[in-house]
N, C-alpha and C. Protein backbone atom coordinates (compact mmCIF):
# COMPACT_ATOMS: atom_id res chain seq x y z
N UNK A 1 29.13 -61.13 -92.77
CA UNK A 1 27.93 -60.16 -92.69
C UNK A 1 28.16 -59.39 -91.63
N UNK A 2 28.07 -58.00 -91.92
CA UNK A 2 28.12 -56.89 -90.62
C UNK A 2 26.63 -56.38 -90.26
N UNK A 3 26.52 -55.70 -88.86
CA UNK A 3 25.20 -55.16 -88.99
C UNK A 3 25.68 -53.92 -88.11
N UNK A 4 25.45 -52.67 -88.60
CA UNK A 4 25.71 -51.28 -88.05
C UNK A 4 24.60 -50.68 -87.72
N UNK A 5 24.34 -50.54 -86.08
CA UNK A 5 23.49 -49.71 -86.13
C UNK A 5 23.22 -48.19 -86.53
N UNK A 6 22.14 -47.70 -87.21
CA UNK A 6 21.90 -46.82 -87.88
C UNK A 6 20.95 -45.78 -87.19
N UNK A 7 20.85 -44.54 -87.20
CA UNK A 7 19.95 -43.95 -86.80
C UNK A 7 19.44 -42.77 -88.06
N UNK A 8 17.95 -42.89 -88.12
CA UNK A 8 17.43 -42.25 -89.33
C UNK A 8 17.80 -40.62 -88.93
N UNK A 9 17.86 -39.94 -89.85
CA UNK A 9 17.94 -38.38 -89.82
C UNK A 9 16.53 -37.79 -90.08
N UNK A 10 16.18 -36.96 -88.74
CA UNK A 10 14.94 -36.40 -89.22
C UNK A 10 15.22 -35.12 -89.89
N UNK A 11 14.21 -34.58 -90.42
CA UNK A 11 13.97 -33.43 -91.20
C UNK A 11 14.20 -32.22 -90.32
N UNK A 12 14.70 -31.21 -91.02
CA UNK A 12 14.94 -29.91 -90.19
C UNK A 12 13.56 -29.30 -89.62
N UNK A 13 13.50 -28.58 -88.50
CA UNK A 13 12.14 -28.19 -88.27
C UNK A 13 11.84 -26.60 -89.20
N UNK A 14 10.63 -26.70 -89.36
CA UNK A 14 10.35 -25.56 -90.31
C UNK A 14 10.60 -24.12 -89.41
N UNK A 15 10.86 -23.15 -90.37
CA UNK A 15 11.46 -21.83 -90.24
C UNK A 15 10.48 -21.17 -89.78
N UNK A 16 9.99 -20.56 -88.60
CA UNK A 16 8.72 -19.94 -88.27
C UNK A 16 8.99 -18.55 -89.12
N UNK A 17 7.58 -17.69 -89.40
CA UNK A 17 7.85 -16.68 -89.89
C UNK A 17 7.35 -15.78 -88.76
N UNK A 18 8.27 -15.10 -88.26
CA UNK A 18 7.70 -14.14 -87.07
C UNK A 18 7.46 -12.60 -87.35
N UNK A 19 7.03 -11.99 -86.36
CA UNK A 19 6.87 -10.53 -86.59
C UNK A 19 7.93 -9.86 -87.25
N UNK A 20 9.13 -10.10 -86.98
CA UNK A 20 10.09 -9.47 -87.78
C UNK A 20 10.43 -9.79 -89.01
N UNK A 21 10.35 -10.77 -89.33
CA UNK A 21 10.21 -11.11 -91.14
C UNK A 21 9.30 -10.63 -91.99
N UNK A 22 8.07 -10.80 -91.38
CA UNK A 22 7.03 -10.15 -91.77
C UNK A 22 7.17 -8.57 -92.12
N UNK A 23 7.60 -7.90 -91.20
CA UNK A 23 7.89 -6.51 -91.46
C UNK A 23 9.17 -6.34 -92.26
N UNK A 24 10.28 -6.95 -92.59
CA UNK A 24 10.88 -7.23 -93.55
C UNK A 24 10.55 -7.38 -95.01
N UNK A 25 9.68 -8.17 -95.01
CA UNK A 25 9.33 -8.88 -96.31
C UNK A 25 8.22 -7.40 -96.79
N UNK A 26 7.55 -6.76 -95.92
CA UNK A 26 6.62 -5.95 -96.49
C UNK A 26 7.34 -4.54 -96.83
N UNK A 27 8.53 -4.46 -95.93
CA UNK A 27 9.42 -3.36 -96.31
C UNK A 27 9.96 -3.40 -97.55
N UNK A 28 10.16 -4.57 -98.05
CA UNK A 28 10.85 -4.78 -99.19
C UNK A 28 10.04 -4.89 -100.31
N UNK A 29 8.93 -5.14 -100.23
CA UNK A 29 7.75 -5.12 -101.03
C UNK A 29 7.28 -3.56 -101.43
N UNK A 30 7.42 -2.90 -100.40
CA UNK A 30 6.82 -1.39 -100.50
C UNK A 30 8.29 -0.40 -101.07
N UNK A 31 9.32 -0.88 -100.74
CA UNK A 31 10.36 -0.41 -101.59
C UNK A 31 10.16 -0.66 -102.81
N UNK A 32 9.99 -1.78 -103.42
CA UNK A 32 10.27 -2.42 -104.48
C UNK A 32 9.10 -1.76 -105.50
N UNK A 33 7.92 -1.46 -105.07
CA UNK A 33 6.98 -0.46 -105.63
C UNK A 33 7.49 0.78 -105.83
N UNK A 34 8.24 1.44 -104.85
CA UNK A 34 8.36 2.72 -105.11
C UNK A 34 9.40 2.89 -105.83
N UNK A 35 10.43 1.88 -106.10
CA UNK A 35 11.37 1.96 -107.30
C UNK A 35 10.56 2.04 -108.45
N UNK A 36 9.74 0.94 -108.60
CA UNK A 36 9.06 1.06 -109.86
C UNK A 36 8.33 2.18 -110.31
N UNK A 37 7.87 2.71 -109.45
CA UNK A 37 7.08 3.87 -109.48
C UNK A 37 8.23 5.27 -110.22
N UNK A 38 9.16 5.28 -109.31
CA UNK A 38 10.12 6.31 -109.74
C UNK A 38 10.68 6.11 -110.92
N UNK A 39 10.94 4.70 -111.50
CA UNK A 39 11.56 4.20 -112.91
C UNK A 39 10.63 5.10 -113.54
N UNK A 40 9.55 4.60 -113.59
CA UNK A 40 8.15 5.06 -114.61
C UNK A 40 8.13 6.48 -114.78
N UNK A 41 8.84 7.22 -113.90
CA UNK A 41 8.38 8.72 -114.03
C UNK A 41 9.32 9.73 -114.89
N UNK A 42 10.59 8.54 -115.07
CA UNK A 42 11.98 9.07 -115.54
C UNK A 42 11.61 9.20 -117.01
């Protein structure tokens, strides 16, 4: 019987949502709303 030392893998750290990502998400939402409104006008 052999015993091998093993180390447990820890979970990766959570990705922080900083200001830049928040701005990108908001811009994407605004762009999507604009595209929907333009599509309905046709």
